[in-house]
């Protein structure tokens, strides 16, 4: 999930594909991720999905990337 976001920010994945793929992968992997690392899973869901993908789904690719970059701790 994190690698997919990194590839999106590096321009290796386009925004429409990232939005669709991230949502699909999250749904597919959520239960397993939560069992393995609950806190980390919650961060991925709350920050990347709720605050990123779901909230900014209608934004342009540039606006979406700017949000991720400005809200990501490197």
PDB file of N, CA and C in Angstrom:
ATOM      1  N   UNK A   1       0.827  -1.177   0.000  1.00  0.00           N
ATOM      2  CA  UNK A   1       0.000   0.000   0.000  1.00  0.00           C
ATOM      3  C   UNK A   1       0.885   1.260   0.000  1.00  0.00           C
ATOM      4  N   UNK A   2       1.888   1.230   0.836  1.00  0.00           N
ATOM      5  CA  UNK A   2       2.804   2.370   0.898  1.00  0.00           C
ATOM      6  C   UNK A   2       3.615   2.464  -0.391  1.00  0.00           C
ATOM      7  N   UNK A   3       4.076   1.324  -0.895  1.00  0.00           N
ATOM      8  CA  UNK A   3       4.845   1.325  -2.147  1.00  0.00           C
ATOM      9  C   UNK A   3       3.998   1.832  -3.304  1.00  0.00           C
ATOM     10  N   UNK A   4       2.722   1.470  -3.331  1.00  0.00           N
ATOM     11  CA  UNK A   4       1.832   1.935  -4.384  1.00  0.00           C
ATOM     12  C   UNK A   4       1.704   3.464  -4.320  1.00  0.00           C
ATOM     13  N   UNK A   5       1.589   4.011  -3.128  1.00  0.00           N
ATOM     14  CA  UNK A   5       1.493   5.460  -2.965  1.00  0.00           C
ATOM     15  C   UNK A   5       2.792   6.130  -3.405  1.00  0.00           C
ATOM     16  N   UNK A   6       3.902   5.536  -3.048  1.00  0.00           N
ATOM     17  CA  UNK A   6       5.198   6.082  -3.459  1.00  0.00           C
ATOM     18  C   UNK A   6       5.323   6.088  -4.985  1.00  0.00           C
ATOM     19  N   UNK A   7       4.918   5.004  -5.634  1.00  0.00           N
ATOM     20  CA  UNK A   7       4.973   4.940  -7.096  1.00  0.00           C
ATOM     21  C   UNK A   7       4.057   5.988  -7.728  1.00  0.00           C
ATOM     22  N   UNK A   8       2.914   6.228  -7.118  1.00  0.00           N
ATOM     23  CA  UNK A   8       2.000   7.259  -7.613  1.00  0.00           C
ATOM     24  C   UNK A   8       2.655   8.632  -7.524  1.00  0.00           C
ATOM     25  N   UNK A   9       3.262   8.926  -6.387  1.00  0.00           N
ATOM     26  CA  UNK A   9       3.899  10.227  -6.204  1.00  0.00           C
ATOM     27  C   UNK A   9       5.105  10.414  -7.120  1.00  0.00           C
ATOM     28  N   UNK A  10       5.756   9.323  -7.484  1.00  0.00           N
ATOM     29  CA  UNK A  10       6.902   9.390  -8.402  1.00  0.00           C
ATOM     30  C   UNK A  10       6.471   9.423  -9.861  1.00  0.00           C
ATOM     31  N   UNK A  11       5.174   9.352 -10.118  1.00  0.00           N
ATOM     32  CA  UNK A  11       4.665   9.423 -11.484  1.00  0.00           C
ATOM     33  C   UNK A  11       4.654   8.096 -12.220  1.00  0.00           C
ATOM     34  N   UNK A  12       4.848   7.003 -11.515  1.00  0.00           N
ATOM     35  CA  UNK A  12       4.857   5.688 -12.155  1.00  0.00           C
ATOM     36  C   UNK A  12       3.442   5.127 -12.316  1.00  0.00           C
ATOM     37  N   UNK A  13       2.485   5.659 -11.565  1.00  0.00           N
ATOM     38  CA  UNK A  13       1.082   5.252 -11.648  1.00  0.00           C
ATOM     39  C   UNK A  13       0.244   6.517 -11.832  1.00  0.00           C
ATOM     40  N   UNK A  14      -0.692   6.497 -12.753  1.00  0.00           N
ATOM     41  CA  UNK A  14      -1.567   7.657 -12.961  1.00  0.00           C
ATOM     42  C   UNK A  14      -2.649   7.684 -11.890  1.00  0.00           C
ATOM     43  N   UNK A  15      -3.217   8.873 -11.669  1.00  0.00           N
ATOM     44  CA  UNK A  15      -4.144   9.040 -10.549  1.00  0.00           C
ATOM     45  C   UNK A  15      -5.380   8.158 -10.655  1.00  0.00           C
ATOM     46  N   UNK A  16      -5.958   8.014 -11.846  1.00  0.00           N
ATOM     47  CA  UNK A  16      -7.172   7.192 -11.954  1.00  0.00           C
ATOM     48  C   UNK A  16      -6.874   5.736 -11.612  1.00  0.00           C
ATOM     49  N   UNK A  17      -5.726   5.239 -12.021  1.00  0.00           N
ATOM     50  CA  UNK A  17      -5.346   3.859 -11.709  1.00  0.00           C
ATOM     51  C   UNK A  17      -5.034   3.721 -10.223  1.00  0.00           C
ATOM     52  N   UNK A  18      -4.357   4.701  -9.663  1.00  0.00           N
ATOM     53  CA  UNK A  18      -4.036   4.662  -8.232  1.00  0.00           C
ATOM     54  C   UNK A  18      -5.319   4.646  -7.404  1.00  0.00           C
ATOM     55  N   UNK A  19      -6.255   5.529  -7.719  1.00  0.00           N
ATOM     56  CA  UNK A  19      -7.505   5.589  -6.954  1.00  0.00           C
ATOM     57  C   UNK A  19      -8.253   4.265  -6.997  1.00  0.00           C
ATOM     58  N   UNK A  20      -8.337   3.671  -8.158  1.00  0.00           N
ATOM     59  CA  UNK A  20      -9.038   2.389  -8.279  1.00  0.00           C
ATOM     60  C   UNK A  20      -8.255   1.257  -7.613  1.00  0.00           C
ATOM     61  N   UNK A  21      -6.978   1.179  -7.900  1.00  0.00           N
ATOM     62  CA  UNK A  21      -6.154   0.089  -7.371  1.00  0.00           C
ATOM     63  C   UNK A  21      -5.990   0.164  -5.857  1.00  0.00           C
ATOM     64  N   UNK A  22      -5.803   1.370  -5.332  1.00  0.00           N
ATOM     65  CA  UNK A  22      -5.611   1.503  -3.892  1.00  0.00           C
ATOM     66  C   UNK A  22      -6.860   1.035  -3.154  1.00  0.00           C
ATOM     67  N   UNK A  23      -8.017   1.474  -3.596  1.00  0.00           N
ATOM     68  CA  UNK A  23      -9.272   1.073  -2.955  1.00  0.00           C
ATOM     69  C   UNK A  23      -9.458  -0.440  -3.023  1.00  0.00           C
ATOM     70  N   UNK A  24      -9.178  -1.018  -4.176  1.00  0.00           N
ATOM     71  CA  UNK A  24      -9.307  -2.468  -4.354  1.00  0.00           C
ATOM     72  C   UNK A  24      -8.336  -3.221  -3.449  1.00  0.00           C
ATOM     73  N   UNK A  25      -7.082  -2.814  -3.453  1.00  0.00           N
ATOM     74  CA  UNK A  25      -6.067  -3.497  -2.648  1.00  0.00           C
ATOM     75  C   UNK A  25      -6.344  -3.351  -1.156  1.00  0.00           C
ATOM     76  N   UNK A  26      -6.822  -2.198  -0.750  1.00  0.00           N
ATOM     77  CA  UNK A  26      -7.152  -2.000   0.655  1.00  0.00           C
ATOM     78  C   UNK A  26      -8.276  -2.941   1.077  1.00  0.00           C
ATOM     79  N   UNK A  27      -9.303  -3.019   0.264  1.00  0.00           N
ATOM     80  CA  UNK A  27     -10.414  -3.915   0.578  1.00  0.00           C
ATOM     81  C   UNK A  27      -9.959  -5.369   0.625  1.00  0.00           C
ATOM     82  N   UNK A  28      -9.112  -5.749  -0.305  1.00  0.00           N
ATOM     83  CA  UNK A  28      -8.629  -7.118  -0.408  1.00  0.00           C
ATOM     84  C   UNK A  28      -7.710  -7.496   0.757  1.00  0.00           C
ATOM     85  N   UNK A  29      -6.889  -6.574   1.225  1.00  0.00           N
ATOM     86  CA  UNK A  29      -5.855  -6.880   2.214  1.00  0.00           C
ATOM     87  C   UNK A  29      -6.169  -6.402   3.629  1.00  0.00           C
ATOM     88  N   UNK A  30      -7.244  -5.677   3.818  1.00  0.00           N
ATOM     89  CA  UNK A  30      -7.496  -5.002   5.092  1.00  0.00           C
ATOM     90  C   UNK A  30      -7.483  -5.951   6.286  1.00  0.00           C
ATOM     91  N   UNK A  31      -8.223  -7.044   6.229  1.00  0.00           N
ATOM     92  CA  UNK A  31      -8.313  -7.955   7.375  1.00  0.00           C
ATOM     93  C   UNK A  31      -6.947  -8.526   7.750  1.00  0.00           C
ATOM     94  N   UNK A  32      -6.179  -8.926   6.751  1.00  0.00           N
ATOM     95  CA  UNK A  32      -4.856  -9.489   7.020  1.00  0.00           C
ATOM     96  C   UNK A  32      -3.922  -8.421   7.600  1.00  0.00           C
ATOM     97  N   UNK A  33      -3.949  -7.228   7.008  1.00  0.00           N
ATOM     98  CA  UNK A  33      -3.102  -6.143   7.506  1.00  0.00           C
ATOM     99  C   UNK A  33      -3.460  -5.809   8.952  1.00  0.00           C
ATOM    100  N   UNK A  34      -4.733  -5.803   9.245  1.00  0.00           N
ATOM    101  CA  UNK A  34      -5.184  -5.455  10.604  1.00  0.00           C
ATOM    102  C   UNK A  34      -4.736  -6.508  11.622  1.00  0.00           C
ATOM    103  N   UNK A  35      -4.780  -7.766  11.241  1.00  0.00           N
ATOM    104  CA  UNK A  35      -4.309  -8.832  12.139  1.00  0.00           C
ATOM    105  C   UNK A  35      -2.810  -8.718  12.390  1.00  0.00           C
ATOM    106  N   UNK A  36      -2.074  -8.383  11.353  1.00  0.00           N
ATOM    107  CA  UNK A  36      -0.615  -8.328  11.468  1.00  0.00           C
ATOM    108  C   UNK A  36      -0.119  -7.097  12.214  1.00  0.00           C
ATOM    109  N   UNK A  37      -0.709  -5.958  11.938  1.00  0.00           N
ATOM    110  CA  UNK A  37      -0.241  -4.708  12.545  1.00  0.00           C
ATOM    111  C   UNK A  37      -1.394  -3.708  12.601  1.00  0.00           C
ATOM    112  N   UNK A  38      -2.150  -3.769  13.674  1.00  0.00           N
ATOM    113  CA  UNK A  38      -3.378  -2.981  13.804  1.00  0.00           C
ATOM    114  C   UNK A  38      -3.136  -1.475  13.705  1.00  0.00           C
ATOM    115  N   UNK A  39      -2.166  -0.958  14.426  1.00  0.00           N
ATOM    116  CA  UNK A  39      -1.915   0.485  14.416  1.00  0.00           C
ATOM    117  C   UNK A  39      -1.489   0.981  13.041  1.00  0.00           C
ATOM    118  N   UNK A  40      -0.598   0.248  12.410  1.00  0.00           N
ATOM    119  CA  UNK A  40      -0.120   0.611  11.075  1.00  0.00           C
ATOM    120  C   UNK A  40      -1.265   0.558  10.067  1.00  0.00           C
ATOM    121  N   UNK A  41      -2.093  -0.446  10.180  1.00  0.00           N
ATOM    122  CA  UNK A  41      -3.247  -0.587   9.297  1.00  0.00           C
ATOM    123  C   UNK A  41      -4.208   0.591   9.477  1.00  0.00           C
ATOM    124  N   UNK A  42      -4.441   0.975  10.722  1.00  0.00           N
ATOM    125  CA  UNK A  42      -5.321   2.117  10.990  1.00  0.00           C
ATOM    126  C   UNK A  42      -4.765   3.397  10.379  1.00  0.00           C
ATOM    127  N   UNK A  43      -3.449   3.579  10.466  1.00  0.00           N
ATOM    128  CA  UNK A  43      -2.832   4.761   9.860  1.00  0.00           C
ATOM    129  C   UNK A  43      -3.017   4.765   8.348  1.00  0.00           C
ATOM    130  N   UNK A  44      -2.806   3.626   7.726  1.00  0.00           N
ATOM    131  CA  UNK A  44      -2.993   3.527   6.272  1.00  0.00           C
ATOM    132  C   UNK A  44      -4.434   3.863   5.916  1.00  0.00           C
ATOM    133  N   UNK A  45      -5.374   3.274   6.636  1.00  0.00           N
ATOM    134  CA  UNK A  45      -6.784   3.504   6.329  1.00  0.00           C
ATOM    135  C   UNK A  45      -7.174   4.957   6.555  1.00  0.00           C
ATOM    136  N   UNK A  46      -6.859   5.488   7.721  1.00  0.00           N
ATOM    137  CA  UNK A  46      -7.280   6.844   8.055  1.00  0.00           C
ATOM    138  C   UNK A  46      -6.559   7.910   7.228  1.00  0.00           C
ATOM    139  N   UNK A  47      -5.252   7.782   7.122  1.00  0.00           N
ATOM    140  CA  UNK A  47      -4.488   8.832   6.454  1.00  0.00           C
ATOM    141  C   UNK A  47      -4.510   8.692   4.935  1.00  0.00           C
ATOM    142  N   UNK A  48      -4.090   7.554   4.422  1.00  0.00           N
ATOM    143  CA  UNK A  48      -3.986   7.409   2.974  1.00  0.00           C
ATOM    144  C   UNK A  48      -5.354   7.272   2.309  1.00  0.00           C
ATOM    145  N   UNK A  49      -6.243   6.481   2.910  1.00  0.00           N
ATOM    146  CA  UNK A  49      -7.529   6.275   2.253  1.00  0.00           C
ATOM    147  C   UNK A  49      -8.522   7.393   2.562  1.00  0.00           C
ATOM    148  N   UNK A  50      -8.900   7.559   3.822  1.00  0.00           N
ATOM    149  CA  UNK A  50      -9.931   8.546   4.156  1.00  0.00           C
ATOM    150  C   UNK A  50      -9.506   9.973   3.854  1.00  0.00           C
ATOM    151  N   UNK A  51      -8.292  10.330   4.225  1.00  0.00           N
ATOM    152  CA  UNK A  51      -7.820  11.701   4.033  1.00  0.00           C
ATOM    153  C   UNK A  51      -7.209  11.944   2.656  1.00  0.00           C
ATOM    154  N   UNK A  52      -6.897  10.879   1.949  1.00  0.00           N
ATOM    155  CA  UNK A  52      -6.259  11.016   0.640  1.00  0.00           C
ATOM    156  C   UNK A  52      -7.138  10.566  -0.493  1.00  0.00           C
ATOM    157  N   UNK A  53      -7.191   9.285  -0.730  1.00  0.00           N
ATOM    158  CA  UNK A  53      -7.872   8.722  -1.893  1.00  0.00           C
ATOM    159  C   UNK A  53      -9.356   9.075  -1.910  1.00  0.00           C
ATOM    160  N   UNK A  54     -10.075   8.782  -0.848  1.00  0.00           N
ATOM    161  CA  UNK A  54     -11.521   9.006  -0.829  1.00  0.00           C
ATOM    162  C   UNK A  54     -11.872  10.490  -0.843  1.00  0.00           C
ATOM    163  N   UNK A  55     -11.153  11.269  -0.102  1.00  0.00           N
ATOM    164  CA  UNK A  55     -11.462  12.703   0.013  1.00  0.00           C
ATOM    165  C   UNK A  55     -11.110  13.474  -1.249  1.00  0.00           C
ATOM    166  N   UNK A  56     -10.041  13.100  -1.897  1.00  0.00           N
ATOM    167  CA  UNK A  56      -9.552  13.861  -3.051  1.00  0.00           C
ATOM    168  C   UNK A  56      -9.710  13.119  -4.366  1.00  0.00           C
ATOM    169  N   UNK A  57     -10.642  12.204  -4.411  1.00  0.00           N
ATOM    170  CA  UNK A  57     -10.872  11.401  -5.602  1.00  0.00           C
ATOM    171  C   UNK A  57     -11.191  12.254  -6.828  1.00  0.00           C
ATOM    172  N   UNK A  58     -11.881  13.371  -6.651  1.00  0.00           N
ATOM    173  CA  UNK A  58     -12.269  14.214  -7.777  1.00  0.00           C
ATOM    174  C   UNK A  58     -11.253  15.270  -8.163  1.00  0.00           C
ATOM    175  N   UNK A  59     -10.156  15.364  -7.434  1.00  0.00           N
ATOM    176  CA  UNK A  59      -9.152  16.378  -7.746  1.00  0.00           C
ATOM    177  C   UNK A  59      -8.329  15.985  -8.961  1.00  0.00           C
ATOM    178  N   UNK A  60      -7.708  16.977  -9.535  1.00  0.00           N
ATOM    179  CA  UNK A  60      -6.780  16.700 -10.627  1.00  0.00           C
ATOM    180  C   UNK A  60      -5.584  15.940 -10.079  1.00  0.00           C
ATOM    181  N   UNK A  61      -4.826  15.346 -10.957  1.00  0.00           N
ATOM    182  CA  UNK A  61      -3.647  14.585 -10.532  1.00  0.00           C
ATOM    183  C   UNK A  61      -2.650  15.480  -9.808  1.00  0.00           C
ATOM    184  N   UNK A  62      -2.458  16.683 -10.297  1.00  0.00           N
ATOM    185  CA  UNK A  62      -1.503  17.603  -9.679  1.00  0.00           C
ATOM    186  C   UNK A  62      -1.961  18.000  -8.277  1.00  0.00           C
ATOM    187  N   UNK A  63      -3.234  18.343  -8.127  1.00  0.00           N
ATOM    188  CA  UNK A  63      -3.758  18.735  -6.814  1.00  0.00           C
ATOM    189  C   UNK A  63      -3.694  17.574  -5.832  1.00  0.00           C
ATOM    190  N   UNK A  64      -4.002  16.379  -6.299  1.00  0.00           N
ATOM    191  CA  UNK A  64      -3.953  15.199  -5.444  1.00  0.00           C
ATOM    192  C   UNK A  64      -2.525  14.926  -4.977  1.00  0.00           C
ATOM    193  N   UNK A  65      -1.564  14.965  -5.888  1.00  0.00           N
ATOM    194  CA  UNK A  65      -0.165  14.729  -5.524  1.00  0.00           C
ATOM    195  C   UNK A  65       0.338  15.806  -4.573  1.00  0.00           C
ATOM    196  N   UNK A  66      -0.070  17.051  -4.814  1.00  0.00           N
ATOM    197  CA  UNK A  66       0.351  18.129  -3.919  1.00  0.00           C
ATOM    198  C   UNK A  66      -0.141  17.888  -2.501  1.00  0.00           C
ATOM    199  N   UNK A  67      -1.378  17.385  -2.365  1.00  0.00           N
ATOM    200  CA  UNK A  67      -1.895  17.085  -1.027  1.00  0.00           C
ATOM    201  C   UNK A  67      -1.054  15.999  -0.369  1.00  0.00           C
ATOM    202  N   UNK A  68      -0.801  14.900  -1.091  1.00  0.00           N
ATOM    203  CA  UNK A  68      -0.017  13.815  -0.518  1.00  0.00           C
ATOM    204  C   UNK A  68       1.371  14.292  -0.118  1.00  0.00           C
ATOM    205  N   UNK A  69       2.009  15.047  -0.984  1.00  0.00           N
ATOM    206  CA  UNK A  69       3.367  15.515  -0.699  1.00  0.00           C
ATOM    207  C   UNK A  69       3.381  16.449   0.504  1.00  0.00           C
ATOM    208  N   UNK A  70       2.436  17.355   0.578  1.00  0.00           N
ATOM    209  CA  UNK A  70       2.426  18.324   1.690  1.00  0.00           C
ATOM    210  C   UNK A  70       2.030  17.681   3.017  1.00  0.00           C
ATOM    211  N   UNK A  71       1.404  16.510   2.970  1.00  0.00           N
ATOM    212  CA  UNK A  71       0.965  15.842   4.192  1.00  0.00           C
ATOM    213  C   UNK A  71       1.745  14.576   4.507  1.00  0.00           C
ATOM    214  N   UNK A  72       2.860  14.376   3.855  1.00  0.00           N
ATOM    215  CA  UNK A  72       3.664  13.193   4.063  1.00  0.00           C
ATOM    216  C   UNK A  72       4.942  13.571   4.797  1.00  0.00           C
ATOM    217  N   UNK A  73       5.238  12.816   5.812  1.00  0.00           N
ATOM    218  CA  UNK A  73       6.502  13.016   6.537  1.00  0.00           C
ATOM    219  C   UNK A  73       7.551  12.152   5.862  1.00  0.00           C
ATOM    220  N   UNK A  74       8.630  12.749   5.438  1.00  0.00           N
ATOM    221  CA  UNK A  74       9.686  11.985   4.765  1.00  0.00           C
ATOM    222  C   UNK A  74      10.839  11.704   5.682  1.00  0.00           C
TER     223      UNK A  74
END
